[in-house]
Amino acid sequence: MTNISGELILKASMNLQLKAC
């Protein structure tokens, strides 16, 4: 489950960065 949570967090961070740009 830790890996799944990590992936979700990474995806969310990437989406936020794309929106920020």
N, C-alpha and C. Protein backbone atom coordinates (compact mmCIF):
# COMPACT_ATOMS: atom_id res chain seq x y z
N MET A 1 0.84 -1.21 0.00
CA MET A 1 0.00 0.00 0.00
C MET A 1 0.88 1.26 0.00
N THR A 2 2.04 1.16 0.61
CA THR A 2 2.91 2.34 0.66
C THR A 2 3.28 2.78 -0.75
N ASN A 3 3.59 1.78 -1.61
CA ASN A 3 3.97 2.15 -2.98
C ASN A 3 2.81 2.82 -3.70
N ILE A 4 1.60 2.29 -3.50
CA ILE A 4 0.43 2.88 -4.17
C ILE A 4 0.26 4.33 -3.72
N SER A 5 0.35 4.57 -2.42
CA SER A 5 0.19 5.94 -1.90
C SER A 5 1.28 6.83 -2.49
N GLY A 6 2.49 6.32 -2.54
CA GLY A 6 3.61 7.10 -3.09
C GLY A 6 3.34 7.48 -4.53
N GLU A 7 2.83 6.53 -5.32
CA GLU A 7 2.55 6.82 -6.74
C GLU A 7 1.48 7.90 -6.84
N LEU A 8 0.43 7.77 -6.02
CA LEU A 8 -0.66 8.78 -6.07
C LEU A 8 -0.09 10.15 -5.72
N ILE A 9 0.77 10.21 -4.72
CA ILE A 9 1.35 11.50 -4.31
C ILE A 9 2.22 12.05 -5.44
N LEU A 10 3.02 11.19 -6.06
CA LEU A 10 3.88 11.64 -7.16
C LEU A 10 3.03 12.16 -8.31
N LYS A 11 1.98 11.42 -8.66
CA LYS A 11 1.10 11.86 -9.76
C LYS A 11 0.46 13.19 -9.42
N ALA A 12 -0.01 13.33 -8.19
CA ALA A 12 -0.64 14.59 -7.77
C ALA A 12 0.37 15.73 -7.86
N SER A 13 1.60 15.49 -7.40
CA SER A 13 2.64 16.53 -7.43
C SER A 13 2.92 16.93 -8.87
N MET A 14 3.04 15.94 -9.76
CA MET A 14 3.31 16.24 -11.17
C MET A 14 2.17 17.06 -11.75
N ASN A 15 0.93 16.69 -11.45
CA ASN A 15 -0.22 17.44 -11.96
C ASN A 15 -0.18 18.88 -11.46
N LEU A 16 0.15 19.06 -10.17
CA LEU A 16 0.20 20.41 -9.61
C LEU A 16 1.30 21.22 -10.31
N GLN A 17 2.45 20.59 -10.56
CA GLN A 17 3.55 21.30 -11.22
C GLN A 17 3.14 21.70 -12.63
N LEU A 18 2.46 20.78 -13.35
CA LEU A 18 2.04 21.09 -14.72
C LEU A 18 1.06 22.26 -14.70
N LYS A 19 0.13 22.25 -13.74
CA LYS A 19 -0.84 23.35 -13.65
C LYS A 19 -0.12 24.65 -13.28
N ALA A 20 0.88 24.55 -12.40
CA ALA A 20 1.62 25.75 -11.98
C ALA A 20 2.33 26.37 -13.18
N CYS A 21 2.89 25.50 -14.05
CA CYS A 21 3.60 26.00 -15.23
C CYS A 21 2.58 26.59 -16.20
